[in-house]
Amino acid sequence: MKLKKAIGFSTKENKEIEIEFDLNKKQILKIVNKFFDTMSYSDREKWISKNTCPMGSGGDMGVAKSMFQSAQERRCRGLV
């Protein structure tokens, strides 16, 4: 994954100093896990529901999962 991030600010040019860099899958996974590890389970569920679309049916977690997926699917289809 290629990214561009500011690493400083040039007062002379009055603009941010940016660099482009690549992250491999292992680095991305580490960053994502660190992000989610700081959240409670309910915060994770809220973030995932708000910011992602379902990937498929997956395993069976009962009614809670189906309610979660229904809300997520409605959002992804633009119905919410």
N, C-alpha and C. Protein backbone atom coordinates (compact mmCIF):
# COMPACT_ATOMS: atom_id res chain seq x y z
N MET A 1 0.85 -1.17 0.00
CA MET A 1 0.00 0.00 0.00
C MET A 1 0.90 1.23 0.00
N LYS A 2 0.66 2.10 -0.94
CA LYS A 2 1.44 3.33 -1.05
C LYS A 2 0.70 4.45 -0.31
N LEU A 3 1.46 5.18 0.50
CA LEU A 3 0.89 6.30 1.27
C LEU A 3 1.73 7.55 1.09
N LYS A 4 1.11 8.68 1.36
CA LYS A 4 1.81 9.96 1.38
C LYS A 4 1.44 10.63 2.70
N LYS A 5 2.45 10.99 3.49
CA LYS A 5 2.21 11.60 4.79
C LYS A 5 3.14 12.78 5.02
N ALA A 6 2.62 13.77 5.74
CA ALA A 6 3.44 14.92 6.14
C ALA A 6 4.35 14.50 7.28
N ILE A 7 5.61 14.91 7.21
CA ILE A 7 6.57 14.59 8.27
C ILE A 7 7.16 15.86 8.88
N GLY A 8 6.70 17.00 8.41
CA GLY A 8 7.20 18.26 8.94
C GLY A 8 6.54 19.42 8.22
N PHE A 9 7.04 20.62 8.55
CA PHE A 9 6.49 21.83 7.94
C PHE A 9 7.64 22.76 7.59
N SER A 10 7.65 23.25 6.36
CA SER A 10 8.66 24.20 5.91
C SER A 10 8.12 25.61 6.09
N THR A 11 8.70 26.36 7.03
CA THR A 11 8.26 27.74 7.23
C THR A 11 8.70 28.62 6.06
N LYS A 12 9.83 28.25 5.45
CA LYS A 12 10.34 29.02 4.32
C LYS A 12 9.37 28.95 3.13
N GLU A 13 8.87 27.73 2.86
CA GLU A 13 7.93 27.54 1.76
C GLU A 13 6.47 27.58 2.21
N ASN A 14 6.26 27.68 3.53
CA ASN A 14 4.93 27.73 4.12
C ASN A 14 4.05 26.56 3.66
N LYS A 15 4.63 25.34 3.72
CA LYS A 15 3.86 24.15 3.36
C LYS A 15 4.43 22.93 4.07
N GLU A 16 3.61 21.88 4.13
CA GLU A 16 4.03 20.64 4.75
C GLU A 16 5.07 19.92 3.89
N ILE A 17 5.96 19.24 4.56
CA ILE A 17 6.94 18.39 3.88
C ILE A 17 6.36 16.98 3.90
N GLU A 18 6.14 16.43 2.72
CA GLU A 18 5.51 15.11 2.61
C GLU A 18 6.47 14.10 1.99
N ILE A 19 6.29 12.85 2.40
CA ILE A 19 7.03 11.76 1.77
C ILE A 19 6.05 10.67 1.35
N GLU A 20 6.41 9.95 0.30
CA GLU A 20 5.64 8.78 -0.12
C GLU A 20 6.39 7.55 0.32
N PHE A 21 5.64 6.55 0.78
CA PHE A 21 6.28 5.31 1.23
C PHE A 21 5.31 4.15 1.04
N ASP A 22 5.86 2.96 1.05
CA ASP A 22 5.07 1.74 0.90
C ASP A 22 5.03 0.98 2.23
N LEU A 23 3.88 0.39 2.51
CA LEU A 23 3.74 -0.52 3.64
C LEU A 23 3.41 -1.90 3.10
N ASN A 24 4.04 -2.94 3.66
CA ASN A 24 3.70 -4.29 3.24
C ASN A 24 2.53 -4.81 4.09
N LYS A 25 2.03 -5.99 3.77
CA LYS A 25 0.86 -6.54 4.48
C LYS A 25 1.12 -6.70 5.97
N LYS A 26 2.32 -7.13 6.34
CA LYS A 26 2.65 -7.33 7.74
C LYS A 26 2.61 -6.00 8.51
N GLN A 27 3.13 -4.95 7.91
CA GLN A 27 3.12 -3.64 8.54
C GLN A 27 1.70 -3.10 8.68
N ILE A 28 0.90 -3.29 7.65
CA ILE A 28 -0.50 -2.84 7.68
C ILE A 28 -1.26 -3.56 8.78
N LEU A 29 -1.09 -4.89 8.85
CA LEU A 29 -1.77 -5.69 9.86
C LEU A 29 -1.39 -5.22 11.27
N LYS A 30 -0.12 -4.93 11.49
CA LYS A 30 0.33 -4.46 12.79
C LYS A 30 -0.33 -3.14 13.17
N ILE A 31 -0.41 -2.22 12.22
CA ILE A 31 -1.03 -0.91 12.47
C ILE A 31 -2.53 -1.06 12.74
N VAL A 32 -3.19 -1.87 11.95
CA VAL A 32 -4.64 -2.07 12.11
C VAL A 32 -4.94 -2.74 13.45
N ASN A 33 -4.17 -3.76 13.80
CA ASN A 33 -4.38 -4.43 15.09
C ASN A 33 -4.16 -3.48 16.25
N LYS A 34 -3.14 -2.64 16.17
CA LYS A 34 -2.88 -1.67 17.23
C LYS A 34 -4.05 -0.69 17.36
N PHE A 35 -4.60 -0.27 16.22
CA PHE A 35 -5.76 0.63 16.22
C PHE A 35 -6.95 0.00 16.94
N PHE A 36 -7.29 -1.24 16.58
CA PHE A 36 -8.45 -1.89 17.18
C PHE A 36 -8.19 -2.35 18.61
N ASP A 37 -6.95 -2.67 18.96
CA ASP A 37 -6.65 -3.13 20.31
C ASP A 37 -6.90 -2.06 21.36
N THR A 38 -6.93 -0.80 20.96
CA THR A 38 -7.18 0.28 21.92
C THR A 38 -8.68 0.47 22.20
N MET A 39 -9.53 -0.24 21.44
CA MET A 39 -10.98 -0.07 21.57
C MET A 39 -11.62 -1.20 22.37
N SER A 40 -12.75 -0.89 22.98
CA SER A 40 -13.57 -1.94 23.60
C SER A 40 -14.29 -2.69 22.48
N TYR A 41 -14.87 -3.84 22.82
CA TYR A 41 -15.60 -4.62 21.82
C TYR A 41 -16.73 -3.80 21.19
N SER A 42 -17.47 -3.07 22.03
CA SER A 42 -18.59 -2.30 21.49
C SER A 42 -18.10 -1.16 20.59
N ASP A 43 -16.98 -0.53 20.95
CA ASP A 43 -16.43 0.52 20.10
C ASP A 43 -15.95 -0.05 18.76
N ARG A 44 -15.36 -1.25 18.81
CA ARG A 44 -14.94 -1.91 17.56
C ARG A 44 -16.13 -2.16 16.66
N GLU A 45 -17.20 -2.71 17.25
CA GLU A 45 -18.39 -3.01 16.47
C GLU A 45 -18.98 -1.74 15.85
N LYS A 46 -19.04 -0.66 16.63
CA LYS A 46 -19.58 0.60 16.12
C LYS A 46 -18.72 1.14 14.98
N TRP A 47 -17.39 1.09 15.14
CA TRP A 47 -16.49 1.59 14.11
C TRP A 47 -16.64 0.78 12.83
N ILE A 48 -16.64 -0.55 12.96
CA ILE A 48 -16.76 -1.42 11.80
C ILE A 48 -18.09 -1.20 11.10
N SER A 49 -19.16 -1.11 11.87
CA SER A 49 -20.48 -0.90 11.29
C SER A 49 -20.57 0.43 10.55
N LYS A 50 -19.96 1.46 11.11
CA LYS A 50 -20.02 2.79 10.52
C LYS A 50 -19.11 2.96 9.31
N ASN A 51 -17.97 2.25 9.28
CA ASN A 51 -16.94 2.53 8.30
C ASN A 51 -16.66 1.45 7.26
N THR A 52 -17.35 0.32 7.35
CA THR A 52 -17.09 -0.77 6.40
C THR A 52 -18.38 -1.34 5.87
N CYS A 53 -18.25 -2.15 4.84
CA CYS A 53 -19.38 -2.89 4.29
C CYS A 53 -19.15 -4.37 4.53
N PRO A 54 -20.22 -5.16 4.68
CA PRO A 54 -20.08 -6.59 4.96
C PRO A 54 -19.33 -7.32 3.85
N MET A 55 -18.56 -8.34 4.25
CA MET A 55 -17.82 -9.15 3.29
C MET A 55 -18.58 -10.41 2.91
N GLY A 56 -19.54 -10.82 3.69
CA GLY A 56 -20.27 -12.06 3.42
C GLY A 56 -20.91 -12.56 4.69
N SER A 57 -21.53 -13.70 4.61
CA SER A 57 -22.28 -14.22 5.76
C SER A 57 -21.37 -14.74 6.85
N GLY A 58 -20.27 -15.39 6.53
CA GLY A 58 -19.33 -15.88 7.54
C GLY A 58 -19.97 -16.87 8.49
N GLY A 59 -19.46 -16.93 9.71
CA GLY A 59 -19.96 -17.87 10.72
C GLY A 59 -21.29 -17.43 11.30
N ASP A 60 -21.74 -18.15 12.32
CA ASP A 60 -23.02 -17.85 12.93
C ASP A 60 -22.83 -17.31 14.34
N MET A 61 -23.14 -16.05 14.54
CA MET A 61 -23.06 -15.47 15.87
C MET A 61 -24.45 -15.12 16.39
N GLY A 62 -25.48 -15.65 15.75
CA GLY A 62 -26.83 -15.47 16.25
C GLY A 62 -27.46 -14.14 15.87
N VAL A 63 -28.47 -13.76 16.66
CA VAL A 63 -29.29 -12.57 16.39
C VAL A 63 -28.47 -11.29 16.41
N ALA A 64 -27.53 -11.19 17.36
CA ALA A 64 -26.73 -9.96 17.46
C ALA A 64 -25.99 -9.70 16.16
N LYS A 65 -25.40 -10.74 15.59
CA LYS A 65 -24.67 -10.56 14.34
C LYS A 65 -25.61 -10.19 13.21
N SER A 66 -26.76 -10.84 13.14
CA SER A 66 -27.68 -10.53 12.04
C SER A 66 -28.21 -9.11 12.15
N MET A 67 -28.46 -8.63 13.37
CA MET A 67 -28.90 -7.24 13.54
C MET A 67 -27.79 -6.29 13.13
N PHE A 68 -26.56 -6.61 13.52
CA PHE A 68 -25.39 -5.80 13.17
C PHE A 68 -25.23 -5.76 11.66
N GLN A 69 -25.31 -6.92 11.01
CA GLN A 69 -25.15 -6.98 9.56
C GLN A 69 -26.27 -6.24 8.85
N SER A 70 -27.48 -6.34 9.36
CA SER A 70 -28.61 -5.65 8.71
C SER A 70 -28.39 -4.14 8.69
N ALA A 71 -27.97 -3.59 9.83
CA ALA A 71 -27.70 -2.14 9.91
C ALA A 71 -26.55 -1.77 8.98
N GLN A 72 -25.54 -2.62 8.96
CA GLN A 72 -24.37 -2.37 8.12
C GLN A 72 -24.75 -2.42 6.65
N GLU A 73 -25.55 -3.40 6.27
CA GLU A 73 -25.96 -3.53 4.87
C GLU A 73 -26.82 -2.35 4.43
N ARG A 74 -27.72 -1.89 5.30
CA ARG A 74 -28.55 -0.73 4.97
C ARG A 74 -27.68 0.49 4.73
N ARG A 75 -26.66 0.69 5.58
CA ARG A 75 -25.76 1.83 5.43
C ARG A 75 -25.00 1.73 4.11
N CYS A 76 -24.50 0.54 3.80
CA CYS A 76 -23.71 0.36 2.59
C CYS A 76 -24.54 0.54 1.32
N ARG A 77 -25.81 0.26 1.41
CA ARG A 77 -26.70 0.43 0.25
C ARG A 77 -27.26 1.85 0.18
N GLY A 78 -26.88 2.69 1.13
CA GLY A 78 -27.34 4.08 1.12
C GLY A 78 -28.74 4.24 1.63
N LEU A 79 -29.25 3.27 2.40
CA LEU A 79 -30.62 3.33 2.89
C LEU A 79 -30.72 3.97 4.27
N VAL A 80 -29.56 4.31 4.86
CA VAL A 80 -29.57 4.92 6.20
C VAL A 80 -29.06 6.32 6.10
